[in-house]
Amino acid sequence: MSAVTSPCVNICALDEQDICVGCYRSAAEITAWTSLGEEGKREVVRRAEKRYREAWSTPSS
């Protein structure tokens, strides 16, 4: 498996829940990124992707 790259998109601003509006990582996840192993980074990316989908999904009518 290849190394996990940072999901950072250089739009660094936290919302009221401390989630970055650019990459959807929490402030704690961003801070911990460099100390995480590859599996930890994959888990952070999975959670960020889930947050992104939830933020941009349209509610069913």
C-alpha atoms as a PDB file:
ATOM      1  CA  MET A   1       0.000   0.000   0.000  1.00  0.00           C
ATOM      2  CA  SER A   2       1.223   3.495  -0.754  1.00  0.00           C
ATOM      3  CA  ALA A   3       1.836   6.227   1.790  1.00  0.00           C
ATOM      4  CA  VAL A   4      -1.194   8.282   2.763  1.00  0.00           C
ATOM      5  CA  THR A   5      -0.914  11.891   1.654  1.00  0.00           C
ATOM      6  CA  SER A   6      -2.418  14.767   3.569  1.00  0.00           C
ATOM      7  CA  PRO A   7      -5.939  15.721   2.431  1.00  0.00           C
ATOM      8  CA  CYS A   8      -5.080  19.403   2.967  1.00  0.00           C
ATOM      9  CA  VAL A   9      -6.297  21.631   0.111  1.00  0.00           C
ATOM     10  CA  ASN A  10      -4.811  24.869   1.513  1.00  0.00           C
ATOM     11  CA  ILE A  11      -8.183  26.281   2.553  1.00  0.00           C
ATOM     12  CA  CYS A  12      -7.473  26.346   6.269  1.00  0.00           C
ATOM     13  CA  ALA A  13     -10.371  27.647   8.321  1.00  0.00           C
ATOM     14  CA  LEU A  14     -12.211  25.930  11.151  1.00  0.00           C
ATOM     15  CA  ASP A  15     -15.980  26.040  11.487  1.00  0.00           C
ATOM     16  CA  GLU A  16     -17.828  26.285  14.797  1.00  0.00           C
ATOM     17  CA  GLN A  17     -17.301  22.531  15.410  1.00  0.00           C
ATOM     18  CA  ASP A  18     -13.508  22.832  14.849  1.00  0.00           C
ATOM     19  CA  ILE A  19     -13.742  21.087  11.468  1.00  0.00           C
ATOM     20  CA  CYS A  20     -11.662  22.484   8.619  1.00  0.00           C
ATOM     21  CA  VAL A  21     -13.891  23.766   5.810  1.00  0.00           C
ATOM     22  CA  GLY A  22     -11.219  22.763   3.272  1.00  0.00           C
ATOM     23  CA  CYS A  23     -10.269  19.192   4.143  1.00  0.00           C
ATOM     24  CA  TYR A  24     -12.959  18.266   6.708  1.00  0.00           C
ATOM     25  CA  ARG A  25     -10.475  17.110   9.339  1.00  0.00           C
ATOM     26  CA  SER A  26     -10.956  18.160  12.938  1.00  0.00           C
ATOM     27  CA  ALA A  27      -8.443  20.471  14.578  1.00  0.00           C
ATOM     28  CA  ALA A  28      -7.234  17.510  16.669  1.00  0.00           C
ATOM     29  CA  GLU A  29      -6.786  15.352  13.551  1.00  0.00           C
ATOM     30  CA  ILE A  30      -4.820  18.095  11.800  1.00  0.00           C
ATOM     31  CA  THR A  31      -2.576  18.522  14.835  1.00  0.00           C
ATOM     32  CA  ALA A  32      -1.977  14.771  15.195  1.00  0.00           C
ATOM     33  CA  TRP A  33      -1.421  14.101  11.458  1.00  0.00           C
ATOM     34  CA  THR A  34       2.389  14.037  11.471  1.00  0.00           C
ATOM     35  CA  SER A  35       2.551  11.651  14.432  1.00  0.00           C
ATOM     36  CA  LEU A  36       0.030   9.136  13.052  1.00  0.00           C
ATOM     37  CA  GLY A  37       0.991   5.895  11.378  1.00  0.00           C
ATOM     38  CA  GLU A  38      -0.340   5.019   7.936  1.00  0.00           C
ATOM     39  CA  GLU A  39      -3.435   3.227   9.281  1.00  0.00           C
ATOM     40  CA  GLY A  40      -4.209   6.153  11.563  1.00  0.00           C
ATOM     41  CA  LYS A  41      -3.952   8.517   8.604  1.00  0.00           C
ATOM     42  CA  ARG A  42      -6.266   6.282   6.554  1.00  0.00           C
ATOM     43  CA  GLU A  43      -8.810   6.416   9.362  1.00  0.00           C
ATOM     44  CA  VAL A  44      -8.604  10.226   9.504  1.00  0.00           C
ATOM     45  CA  VAL A  45      -9.138  10.392   5.726  1.00  0.00           C
ATOM     46  CA  ARG A  46     -12.165   8.056   6.022  1.00  0.00           C
ATOM     47  CA  ARG A  47     -13.710  10.250   8.721  1.00  0.00           C
ATOM     48  CA  ALA A  48     -13.007  13.422   6.739  1.00  0.00           C
ATOM     49  CA  GLU A  49     -14.594  11.937   3.620  1.00  0.00           C
ATOM     50  CA  LYS A  50     -17.661  10.947   5.656  1.00  0.00           C
ATOM     51  CA  ARG A  51     -17.946  14.502   7.010  1.00  0.00           C
ATOM     52  CA  TYR A  52     -17.649  15.875   3.481  1.00  0.00           C
ATOM     53  CA  ARG A  53     -20.436  13.588   2.201  1.00  0.00           C
ATOM     54  CA  GLU A  54     -22.662  14.503   5.147  1.00  0.00           C
ATOM     55  CA  ALA A  55     -22.041  18.214   4.642  1.00  0.00           C
ATOM     56  CA  TRP A  56     -22.850  18.132   0.931  1.00  0.00           C
ATOM     57  CA  SER A  57     -25.627  15.554   0.799  1.00  0.00           C
ATOM     58  CA  THR A  58     -29.108  16.773   0.092  1.00  0.00           C
ATOM     59  CA  PRO A  59     -31.798  15.604   2.496  1.00  0.00           C
ATOM     60  CA  SER A  60     -34.394  13.259   1.082  1.00  0.00           C
ATOM     61  CA  SER A  61     -37.815  14.745   0.540  1.00  0.00           C
END
